[in-house]
Amino acid sequence: MLKKSNIKGSEQVKVTFVLPQDHPHSAASVVGDFNDWDPAANKLVKRANNTLSTAVTLNKGQRYAFRYYAADGTWFNDEAADAYEPNEHGGQNCVIET
């Protein structure tokens, strides 16, 4: 799930990436254009409601490719992405538009 919130008085958007409590991966990161695809940059944290989430601040009016990367080396997508596009590895990246 993706949550977008405009940051008042700025040209930025807070994007929260959320995995549900019943998701098969208990440790993962969100990686994408906004963090140089670095799995250490935005690890998802377990919340009190047993979801995993992390938030990033992105510029408004932009398009960013991203995916999730699990601790076991598995890549997976978010079904709530705004779009999908092919990547250079023969798979698909998620796209979020701010």
PDB file of N, CA and C in Angstrom:
ATOM      1  N   MET A   1       0.852  -1.168   0.000  1.00  0.00           N
ATOM      2  CA  MET A   1       0.000   0.000   0.000  1.00  0.00           C
ATOM      3  C   MET A   1       0.898   1.231   0.000  1.00  0.00           C
ATOM      4  N   LEU A   2       0.461   2.252  -0.674  1.00  0.00           N
ATOM      5  CA  LEU A   2       1.176   3.518  -0.736  1.00  0.00           C
ATOM      6  C   LEU A   2       0.288   4.628  -0.199  1.00  0.00           C
ATOM      7  N   LYS A   3       0.860   5.482   0.631  1.00  0.00           N
ATOM      8  CA  LYS A   3       0.136   6.653   1.128  1.00  0.00           C
ATOM      9  C   LYS A   3       0.926   7.883   0.728  1.00  0.00           C
ATOM     10  N   LYS A   4       0.246   8.856   0.120  1.00  0.00           N
ATOM     11  CA  LYS A   4       0.891  10.101  -0.288  1.00  0.00           C
ATOM     12  C   LYS A   4       0.266  11.259   0.476  1.00  0.00           C
ATOM     13  N   SER A   5       1.118  12.123   1.034  1.00  0.00           N
ATOM     14  CA  SER A   5       0.637  13.297   1.761  1.00  0.00           C
ATOM     15  C   SER A   5       1.459  14.504   1.337  1.00  0.00           C
ATOM     16  N   ASN A   6       0.772  15.547   0.879  1.00  0.00           N
ATOM     17  CA  ASN A   6       1.482  16.777   0.547  1.00  0.00           C
ATOM     18  C   ASN A   6       2.058  17.392   1.811  1.00  0.00           C
ATOM     19  N   ILE A   7       3.275  17.894   1.713  1.00  0.00           N
ATOM     20  CA  ILE A   7       3.901  18.568   2.847  1.00  0.00           C
ATOM     21  C   ILE A   7       3.568  20.045   2.716  1.00  0.00           C
ATOM     22  N   LYS A   8       2.830  20.544   3.670  1.00  0.00           N
ATOM     23  CA  LYS A   8       2.315  21.910   3.634  1.00  0.00           C
ATOM     24  C   LYS A   8       3.446  22.921   3.459  1.00  0.00           C
ATOM     25  N   GLY A   9       3.235  23.852   2.537  1.00  0.00           N
ATOM     26  CA  GLY A   9       4.196  24.926   2.316  1.00  0.00           C
ATOM     27  C   GLY A   9       5.441  24.514   1.551  1.00  0.00           C
ATOM     28  N   SER A  10       5.404  23.346   0.903  1.00  0.00           N
ATOM     29  CA  SER A  10       6.584  22.905   0.159  1.00  0.00           C
ATOM     30  C   SER A  10       6.165  22.258  -1.154  1.00  0.00           C
ATOM     31  N   GLU A  11       7.129  21.967  -1.962  1.00  0.00           N
ATOM     32  CA  GLU A  11       6.910  21.261  -3.222  1.00  0.00           C
ATOM     33  C   GLU A  11       7.302  19.794  -3.069  1.00  0.00           C
ATOM     34  N   GLN A  12       7.015  19.243  -1.897  1.00  0.00           N
ATOM     35  CA  GLN A  12       7.378  17.863  -1.611  1.00  0.00           C
ATOM     36  C   GLN A  12       6.170  17.063  -1.134  1.00  0.00           C
ATOM     37  N   VAL A  13       6.306  15.746  -1.262  1.00  0.00           N
ATOM     38  CA  VAL A  13       5.259  14.807  -0.872  1.00  0.00           C
ATOM     39  C   VAL A  13       5.896  13.746   0.028  1.00  0.00           C
ATOM     40  N   LYS A  14       5.231  13.443   1.130  1.00  0.00           N
ATOM     41  CA  LYS A  14       5.666  12.327   1.976  1.00  0.00           C
ATOM     42  C   LYS A  14       4.973  11.078   1.445  1.00  0.00           C
ATOM     43  N   VAL A  15       5.779  10.089   1.078  1.00  0.00           N
ATOM     44  CA  VAL A  15       5.240   8.827   0.579  1.00  0.00           C
ATOM     45  C   VAL A  15       5.567   7.750   1.605  1.00  0.00           C
ATOM     46  N   THR A  16       4.536   7.063   2.086  1.00  0.00           N
ATOM     47  CA  THR A  16       4.713   5.976   3.038  1.00  0.00           C
ATOM     48  C   THR A  16       4.441   4.657   2.312  1.00  0.00           C
ATOM     49  N   PHE A  17       5.414   3.772   2.388  1.00  0.00           N
ATOM     50  CA  PHE A  17       5.323   2.447   1.787  1.00  0.00           C
ATOM     51  C   PHE A  17       4.942   1.480   2.905  1.00  0.00           C
ATOM     52  N   VAL A  18       3.865   0.724   2.714  1.00  0.00           N
ATOM     53  CA  VAL A  18       3.342  -0.141   3.771  1.00  0.00           C
ATOM     54  C   VAL A  18       3.127  -1.561   3.232  1.00  0.00           C
ATOM     55  N   LEU A  19       3.637  -2.540   3.968  1.00  0.00           N
ATOM     56  CA  LEU A  19       3.339  -3.943   3.688  1.00  0.00           C
ATOM     57  C   LEU A  19       2.384  -4.437   4.768  1.00  0.00           C
ATOM     58  N   PRO A  20       1.341  -5.180   4.392  1.00  0.00           N
ATOM     59  CA  PRO A  20       0.356  -5.644   5.370  1.00  0.00           C
ATOM     60  C   PRO A  20       0.940  -6.658   6.344  1.00  0.00           C
ATOM     61  N   GLN A  21       0.259  -6.836   7.460  1.00  0.00           N
ATOM     62  CA  GLN A  21       0.736  -7.744   8.510  1.00  0.00           C
ATOM     63  C   GLN A  21       0.823  -9.186   8.055  1.00  0.00           C
ATOM     64  N   ASP A  22       0.063  -9.570   7.036  1.00  0.00           N
ATOM     65  CA  ASP A  22       0.101 -10.956   6.565  1.00  0.00           C
ATOM     66  C   ASP A  22       1.058 -11.157   5.394  1.00  0.00           C
ATOM     67  N   HIS A  23       1.902 -10.184   5.130  1.00  0.00           N
ATOM     68  CA  HIS A  23       2.853 -10.299   4.022  1.00  0.00           C
ATOM     69  C   HIS A  23       3.890 -11.372   4.341  1.00  0.00           C
ATOM     70  N   PRO A  24       4.312 -12.162   3.344  1.00  0.00           N
ATOM     71  CA  PRO A  24       5.240 -13.269   3.616  1.00  0.00           C
ATOM     72  C   PRO A  24       6.660 -12.849   4.004  1.00  0.00           C
ATOM     73  N   HIS A  25       7.049 -11.598   3.720  1.00  0.00           N
ATOM     74  CA  HIS A  25       8.403 -11.158   4.072  1.00  0.00           C
ATOM     75  C   HIS A  25       8.357 -10.310   5.343  1.00  0.00           C
ATOM     76  N   SER A  26       9.087 -10.743   6.355  1.00  0.00           N
ATOM     77  CA  SER A  26       9.072 -10.020   7.630  1.00  0.00           C
ATOM     78  C   SER A  26      10.175  -8.978   7.724  1.00  0.00           C
ATOM     79  N   ALA A  27      11.082  -8.954   6.751  1.00  0.00           N
ATOM     80  CA  ALA A  27      12.144  -7.951   6.706  1.00  0.00           C
ATOM     81  C   ALA A  27      12.374  -7.565   5.256  1.00  0.00           C
ATOM     82  N   ALA A  28      12.254  -6.266   4.966  1.00  0.00           N
ATOM     83  CA  ALA A  28      12.406  -5.799   3.591  1.00  0.00           C
ATOM     84  C   ALA A  28      12.771  -4.320   3.599  1.00  0.00           C
ATOM     85  N   SER A  29      13.191  -3.855   2.435  1.00  0.00           N
ATOM     86  CA  SER A  29      13.497  -2.446   2.205  1.00  0.00           C
ATOM     87  C   SER A  29      12.766  -1.997   0.960  1.00  0.00           C
ATOM     88  N   VAL A  30      12.542  -0.692   0.843  1.00  0.00           N
ATOM     89  CA  VAL A  30      12.062  -0.148  -0.414  1.00  0.00           C
ATOM     90  C   VAL A  30      13.276   0.516  -1.063  1.00  0.00           C
ATOM     91  N   VAL A  31      13.478   0.192  -2.331  1.00  0.00           N
ATOM     92  CA  VAL A  31      14.614   0.722  -3.076  1.00  0.00           C
ATOM     93  C   VAL A  31      14.103   1.322  -4.375  1.00  0.00           C
ATOM     94  N   GLY A  32      14.771   2.360  -4.844  1.00  0.00           N
ATOM     95  CA  GLY A  32      14.322   2.972  -6.079  1.00  0.00           C
ATOM     96  C   GLY A  32      15.197   4.126  -6.504  1.00  0.00           C
ATOM     97  N   ASP A  33      14.692   4.857  -7.487  1.00  0.00           N
ATOM     98  CA  ASP A  33      15.408   6.017  -8.015  1.00  0.00           C
ATOM     99  C   ASP A  33      15.732   7.033  -6.920  1.00  0.00           C
ATOM    100  N   PHE A  34      14.885   7.123  -5.918  1.00  0.00           N
ATOM    101  CA  PHE A  34      15.020   8.133  -4.874  1.00  0.00           C
ATOM    102  C   PHE A  34      16.112   7.822  -3.849  1.00  0.00           C
ATOM    103  N   ASN A  35      16.633   6.582  -3.827  1.00  0.00           N
ATOM    104  CA  ASN A  35      17.697   6.245  -2.873  1.00  0.00           C
ATOM    105  C   ASN A  35      18.833   5.446  -3.530  1.00  0.00           C
ATOM    106  N   ASP A  36      18.988   5.628  -4.839  1.00  0.00           N
ATOM    107  CA  ASP A  36      20.039   4.946  -5.604  1.00  0.00           C
ATOM    108  C   ASP A  36      19.966   3.427  -5.489  1.00  0.00           C
ATOM    109  N   TRP A  37      18.758   2.903  -5.302  1.00  0.00           N
ATOM    110  CA  TRP A  37      18.522   1.458  -5.237  1.00  0.00           C
ATOM    111  C   TRP A  37      19.350   0.801  -4.126  1.00  0.00           C
ATOM    112  N   ASP A  38      19.487   1.502  -3.016  1.00  0.00           N
ATOM    113  CA  ASP A  38      20.295   1.036  -1.882  1.00  0.00           C
ATOM    114  C   ASP A  38      19.400   0.343  -0.850  1.00  0.00           C
ATOM    115  N   PRO A  39      19.537  -0.984  -0.671  1.00  0.00           N
ATOM    116  CA  PRO A  39      18.689  -1.708   0.282  1.00  0.00           C
ATOM    117  C   PRO A  39      18.859  -1.264   1.744  1.00  0.00           C
ATOM    118  N   ALA A  40      19.952  -0.608   2.071  1.00  0.00           N
ATOM    119  CA  ALA A  40      20.166  -0.153   3.446  1.00  0.00           C
ATOM    120  C   ALA A  40      19.532   1.216   3.720  1.00  0.00           C
ATOM    121  N   ALA A  41      19.108   1.919   2.675  1.00  0.00           N
ATOM    122  CA  ALA A  41      18.650   3.298   2.840  1.00  0.00           C
ATOM    123  C   ALA A  41      17.264   3.428   3.480  1.00  0.00           C
ATOM    124  N   ASN A  42      16.327   2.580   3.113  1.00  0.00           N
ATOM    125  CA  ASN A  42      14.948   2.705   3.604  1.00  0.00           C
ATOM    126  C   ASN A  42      14.383   1.349   3.983  1.00  0.00           C
ATOM    127  N   LYS A  43      14.839   0.834   5.121  1.00  0.00           N
ATOM    128  CA  LYS A  43      14.322  -0.442   5.617  1.00  0.00           C
ATOM    129  C   LYS A  43      12.931  -0.241   6.189  1.00  0.00           C
ATOM    130  N   LEU A  44      12.073  -1.223   5.953  1.00  0.00           N
ATOM    131  CA  LEU A  44      10.732  -1.152   6.515  1.00  0.00           C
ATOM    132  C   LEU A  44      10.782  -1.593   7.975  1.00  0.00           C
ATOM    133  N   VAL A  45      10.066  -0.858   8.816  1.00  0.00           N
ATOM    134  CA  VAL A  45      10.071  -1.079  10.255  1.00  0.00           C
ATOM    135  C   VAL A  45       8.718  -1.646  10.681  1.00  0.00           C
ATOM    136  N   LYS A  46       8.745  -2.616  11.578  1.00  0.00           N
ATOM    137  CA  LYS A  46       7.492  -3.198  12.085  1.00  0.00           C
ATOM    138  C   LYS A  46       6.801  -2.193  13.004  1.00  0.00           C
ATOM    139  N   ARG A  47       5.522  -1.995  12.773  1.00  0.00           N
ATOM    140  CA  ARG A  47       4.707  -1.043  13.545  1.00  0.00           C
ATOM    141  C   ARG A  47       3.841  -1.784  14.558  1.00  0.00           C
ATOM    142  N   ALA A  48       3.206  -1.044  15.426  1.00  0.00           N
ATOM    143  CA  ALA A  48       2.366  -1.627  16.478  1.00  0.00           C
ATOM    144  C   ALA A  48       1.214  -2.450  15.897  1.00  0.00           C
ATOM    145  N   ASN A  49       0.744  -2.092  14.713  1.00  0.00           N
ATOM    146  CA  ASN A  49      -0.358  -2.830  14.081  1.00  0.00           C
ATOM    147  C   ASN A  49       0.142  -4.011  13.252  1.00  0.00           C
ATOM    148  N   ASN A  50       1.434  -4.356  13.402  1.00  0.00           N
ATOM    149  CA  ASN A  50       2.088  -5.481  12.734  1.00  0.00           C
ATOM    150  C   ASN A  50       2.306  -5.295  11.230  1.00  0.00           C
ATOM    151  N   THR A  51       2.106  -4.082  10.718  1.00  0.00           N
ATOM    152  CA  THR A  51       2.501  -3.811   9.339  1.00  0.00           C
ATOM    153  C   THR A  51       3.977  -3.442   9.330  1.00  0.00           C
ATOM    154  N   LEU A  52       4.563  -3.426   8.151  1.00  0.00           N
ATOM    155  CA  LEU A  52       5.921  -2.925   7.968  1.00  0.00           C
ATOM    156  C   LEU A  52       5.807  -1.651   7.149  1.00  0.00           C
ATOM    157  N   SER A  53       6.549  -0.604   7.518  1.00  0.00           N
ATOM    158  CA  SER A  53       6.458   0.625   6.737  1.00  0.00           C
ATOM    159  C   SER A  53       7.714   1.468   6.856  1.00  0.00           C
ATOM    160  N   THR A  54       7.851   2.363   5.899  1.00  0.00           N
ATOM    161  CA  THR A  54       8.879   3.391   5.909  1.00  0.00           C
ATOM    162  C   THR A  54       8.354   4.543   5.078  1.00  0.00           C
ATOM    163  N   ALA A  55       8.884   5.738   5.306  1.00  0.00           N
ATOM    164  CA  ALA A  55       8.435   6.916   4.565  1.00  0.00           C
ATOM    165  C   ALA A  55       9.635   7.628   3.954  1.00  0.00           C
ATOM    166  N   VAL A  56       9.404   8.213   2.790  1.00  0.00           N
ATOM    167  CA  VAL A  56      10.412   9.026   2.125  1.00  0.00           C
ATOM    168  C   VAL A  56       9.754  10.332   1.688  1.00  0.00           C
ATOM    169  N   THR A  57      10.552  11.372   1.575  1.00  0.00           N
ATOM    170  CA  THR A  57      10.082  12.661   1.091  1.00  0.00           C
ATOM    171  C   THR A  57      10.565  12.828  -0.337  1.00  0.00           C
ATOM    172  N   LEU A  58       9.622  13.053  -1.249  1.00  0.00           N
ATOM    173  CA  LEU A  58       9.933  13.147  -2.671  1.00  0.00           C
ATOM    174  C   LEU A  58       9.419  14.470  -3.230  1.00  0.00           C
ATOM    175  N   ASN A  59       9.993  14.903  -4.341  1.00  0.00           N
ATOM    176  CA  ASN A  59       9.553  16.125  -4.997  1.00  0.00           C
ATOM    177  C   ASN A  59       8.228  15.906  -5.709  1.00  0.00           C
ATOM    178  N   LYS A  60       7.356  16.928  -5.659  1.00  0.00           N
ATOM    179  CA  LYS A  60       6.063  16.870  -6.344  1.00  0.00           C
ATOM    180  C   LYS A  60       6.262  16.861  -7.850  1.00  0.00           C
ATOM    181  N   GLY A  61       5.316  16.250  -8.549  1.00  0.00           N
ATOM    182  CA  GLY A  61       5.301  16.275  -9.999  1.00  0.00           C
ATOM    183  C   GLY A  61       6.361  15.401 -10.654  1.00  0.00           C
ATOM    184  N   GLN A  62       6.859  14.423  -9.927  1.00  0.00           N
ATOM    185  CA  GLN A  62       7.903  13.552 -10.456  1.00  0.00           C
ATOM    186  C   GLN A  62       7.398  12.119 -10.577  1.00  0.00           C
ATOM    187  N   ARG A  63       8.194  11.307 -11.238  1.00  0.00           N
ATOM    188  CA  ARG A  63       7.891   9.895 -11.443  1.00  0.00           C
ATOM    189  C   ARG A  63       9.101   9.105 -10.975  1.00  0.00           C
ATOM    190  N   TYR A  64       8.896   8.158 -10.079  1.00  0.00           N
ATOM    191  CA  TYR A  64       9.989   7.384  -9.499  1.00  0.00           C
ATOM    192  C   TYR A  64       9.732   5.889  -9.669  1.00  0.00           C
ATOM    193  N   ALA A  65      10.768   5.158 -10.089  1.00  0.00           N
ATOM    194  CA  ALA A  65      10.696   3.697 -10.149  1.00  0.00           C
ATOM    195  C   ALA A  65      11.147   3.151  -8.798  1.00  0.00           C
ATOM    196  N   PHE A  66      10.511   2.041  -8.365  1.00  0.00           N
ATOM    197  CA  PHE A  66      10.899   1.417  -7.095  1.00  0.00           C
ATOM    198  C   PHE A  66      10.497  -0.038  -7.086  1.00  0.00           C
ATOM    199  N   ARG A  67      11.046  -0.769  -6.140  1.00  0.00           N
ATOM    200  CA  ARG A  67      10.656  -2.154  -5.836  1.00  0.00           C
ATOM    201  C   ARG A  67      10.956  -2.396  -4.367  1.00  0.00           C
ATOM    202  N   TYR A  68      10.469  -3.510  -3.874  1.00  0.00           N
ATOM    203  CA  TYR A  68      10.839  -3.959  -2.527  1.00  0.00           C
ATOM    204  C   TYR A  68      11.914  -5.027  -2.645  1.00  0.00           C
ATOM    205  N   TYR A  69      12.801  -5.031  -1.670  1.00  0.00           N
ATOM    206  CA  TYR A  69      13.881  -6.016  -1.627  1.00  0.00           C
ATOM    207  C   TYR A  69      13.847  -6.685  -0.257  1.00  0.00           C
ATOM    208  N   ALA A  70      13.563  -7.987  -0.234  1.00  0.00           N
ATOM    209  CA  ALA A  70      13.457  -8.728   1.024  1.00  0.00           C
ATOM    210  C   ALA A  70      14.841  -9.146   1.521  1.00  0.00           C
ATOM    211  N   ALA A  71      14.935  -9.396   2.804  1.00  0.00           N
ATOM    212  CA  ALA A  71      16.201  -9.799   3.426  1.00  0.00           C
ATOM    213  C   ALA A  71      16.759 -11.085   2.831  1.00  0.00           C
ATOM    214  N   ASP A  72      15.886 -11.923   2.279  1.00  0.00           N
ATOM    215  CA  ASP A  72      16.350 -13.182   1.684  1.00  0.00           C
ATOM    216  C   ASP A  72      16.789 -13.021   0.230  1.00  0.00           C
ATOM    217  N   GLY A  73      16.819 -11.775  -0.281  1.00  0.00           N
ATOM    218  CA  GLY A  73      17.267 -11.522  -1.644  1.00  0.00           C
ATOM    219  C   GLY A  73      16.161 -11.510  -2.683  1.00  0.00           C
ATOM    220  N   THR A  74      14.922 -11.670  -2.259  1.00  0.00           N
ATOM    221  CA  THR A  74      13.775 -11.665  -3.162  1.00  0.00           C
ATOM    222  C   THR A  74      13.351 -10.236  -3.491  1.00  0.00           C
ATOM    223  N   TRP A  75      13.090  -9.990  -4.769  1.00  0.00           N
ATOM    224  CA  TRP A  75      12.529  -8.706  -5.210  1.00  0.00           C
ATOM    225  C   TRP A  75      11.032  -8.890  -5.402  1.00  0.00           C
ATOM    226  N   PHE A  76      10.233  -7.881  -5.017  1.00  0.00           N
ATOM    227  CA  PHE A  76       8.796  -7.959  -5.264  1.00  0.00           C
ATOM    228  C   PHE A  76       8.209  -6.562  -5.441  1.00  0.00           C
ATOM    229  N   ASN A  77       7.037  -6.519  -6.036  1.00  0.00           N
ATOM    230  CA  ASN A  77       6.393  -5.255  -6.380  1.00  0.00           C
ATOM    231  C   ASN A  77       5.222  -4.938  -5.465  1.00  0.00           C
ATOM    232  N   ASP A  78       4.750  -3.712  -5.562  1.00  0.00           N
ATOM    233  CA  ASP A  78       3.600  -3.240  -4.797  1.00  0.00           C
ATOM    234  C   ASP A  78       2.398  -3.194  -5.729  1.00  0.00           C
ATOM    235  N   GLU A  79       1.350  -3.917  -5.394  1.00  0.00           N
ATOM    236  CA  GLU A  79       0.167  -3.943  -6.255  1.00  0.00           C
ATOM    237  C   GLU A  79      -0.563  -2.605  -6.281  1.00  0.00           C
ATOM    238  N   ALA A  80      -0.216  -1.687  -5.385  1.00  0.00           N
ATOM    239  CA  ALA A  80      -0.843  -0.369  -5.353  1.00  0.00           C
ATOM    240  C   ALA A  80      -0.047   0.682  -6.126  1.00  0.00           C
ATOM    241  N   ALA A  81       0.981   0.270  -6.863  1.00  0.00           N
ATOM    242  CA  ALA A  81       1.787   1.221  -7.632  1.00  0.00           C
ATOM    243  C   ALA A  81       0.921   1.946  -8.659  1.00  0.00           C
ATOM    244  N   ASP A  82       1.347   3.162  -9.011  1.00  0.00           N
ATOM    245  CA  ASP A  82       0.613   3.945 -10.012  1.00  0.00           C
ATOM    246  C   ASP A  82       0.755   3.350 -11.410  1.00  0.00           C
ATOM    247  N   ALA A  83       1.889   2.690 -11.662  1.00  0.00           N
ATOM    248  CA  ALA A  83       2.149   2.075 -12.972  1.00  0.00           C
ATOM    249  C   ALA A  83       3.295   1.083 -12.808  1.00  0.00           C
ATOM    250  N   TYR A  84       3.608   0.398 -13.895  1.00  0.00           N
ATOM    251  CA  TYR A  84       4.729  -0.544 -13.930  1.00  0.00           C
ATOM    252  C   TYR A  84       5.487  -0.310 -15.229  1.00  0.00           C
ATOM    253  N   GLU A  85       6.792  -0.581 -15.202  1.00  0.00           N
ATOM    254  CA  GLU A  85       7.598  -0.440 -16.404  1.00  0.00           C
ATOM    255  C   GLU A  85       8.664  -1.521 -16.422  1.00  0.00           C
ATOM    256  N   PRO A  86       9.057  -1.962 -17.609  1.00  0.00           N
ATOM    257  CA  PRO A  86      10.100  -2.985 -17.693  1.00  0.00           C
ATOM    258  C   PRO A  86      11.424  -2.453 -17.147  1.00  0.00           C
ATOM    259  N   ASN A  87      12.204  -3.351 -16.541  1.00  0.00           N
ATOM    260  CA  ASN A  87      13.541  -2.956 -16.099  1.00  0.00           C
ATOM    261  C   ASN A  87      14.599  -3.722 -16.882  1.00  0.00           C
ATOM    262  N   GLU A  88      15.841  -3.362 -16.690  1.00  0.00           N
ATOM    263  CA  GLU A  88      16.938  -3.951 -17.461  1.00  0.00           C
ATOM    264  C   GLU A  88      17.257  -5.386 -17.067  1.00  0.00           C
ATOM    265  N   HIS A  89      16.597  -5.912 -16.043  1.00  0.00           N
ATOM    266  CA  HIS A  89      16.838  -7.282 -15.585  1.00  0.00           C
ATOM    267  C   HIS A  89      15.765  -8.259 -16.076  1.00  0.00           C
ATOM    268  N   GLY A  90      14.908  -7.791 -16.960  1.00  0.00           N
ATOM    269  CA  GLY A  90      13.858  -8.645 -17.498  1.00  0.00           C
ATOM    270  C   GLY A  90      12.611  -8.708 -16.637  1.00  0.00           C
ATOM    271  N   GLY A  91      12.567  -7.915 -15.591  1.00  0.00           N
ATOM    272  CA  GLY A  91      11.400  -7.861 -14.704  1.00  0.00           C
ATOM    273  C   GLY A  91      10.657  -6.551 -14.878  1.00  0.00           C
ATOM    274  N   GLN A  92       9.895  -6.187 -13.869  1.00  0.00           N
ATOM    275  CA  GLN A  92       9.161  -4.947 -13.901  1.00  0.00           C
ATOM    276  C   GLN A  92       9.407  -4.161 -12.625  1.00  0.00           C
ATOM    277  N   ASN A  93       9.530  -2.846 -12.781  1.00  0.00           N
ATOM    278  CA  ASN A  93       9.604  -1.936 -11.635  1.00  0.00           C
ATOM    279  C   ASN A  93       8.233  -1.330 -11.402  1.00  0.00           C
ATOM    280  N   CYS A  94       7.960  -0.992 -10.181  1.00  0.00           N
ATOM    281  CA  CYS A  94       6.792  -0.201  -9.843  1.00  0.00           C
ATOM    282  C   CYS A  94       7.117   1.258 -10.148  1.00  0.00           C
ATOM    283  N   VAL A  95       6.079   2.043 -10.355  1.00  0.00           N
ATOM    284  CA  VAL A  95       6.249   3.474 -10.563  1.00  0.00           C
ATOM    285  C   VAL A  95       5.298   4.192  -9.622  1.00  0.00           C
ATOM    286  N   ILE A  96       5.820   5.246  -8.974  1.00  0.00           N
ATOM    287  CA  ILE A  96       4.978   6.125  -8.175  1.00  0.00           C
ATOM    288  C   ILE A  96       5.080   7.529  -8.766  1.00  0.00           C
ATOM    289  N   GLU A  97       3.939   8.162  -8.892  1.00  0.00           N
ATOM    290  CA  GLU A  97       3.895   9.533  -9.409  1.00  0.00           C
ATOM    291  C   GLU A  97       3.464  10.463  -8.282  1.00  0.00           C
ATOM    292  N   THR A  98       4.248  11.500  -8.086  1.00  0.00           N
ATOM    293  CA  THR A  98       3.954  12.427  -6.994  1.00  0.00           C
ATOM    294  C   THR A  98       3.317  13.674  -7.535  1.00  0.00           C
TER     295      THR A  98
END
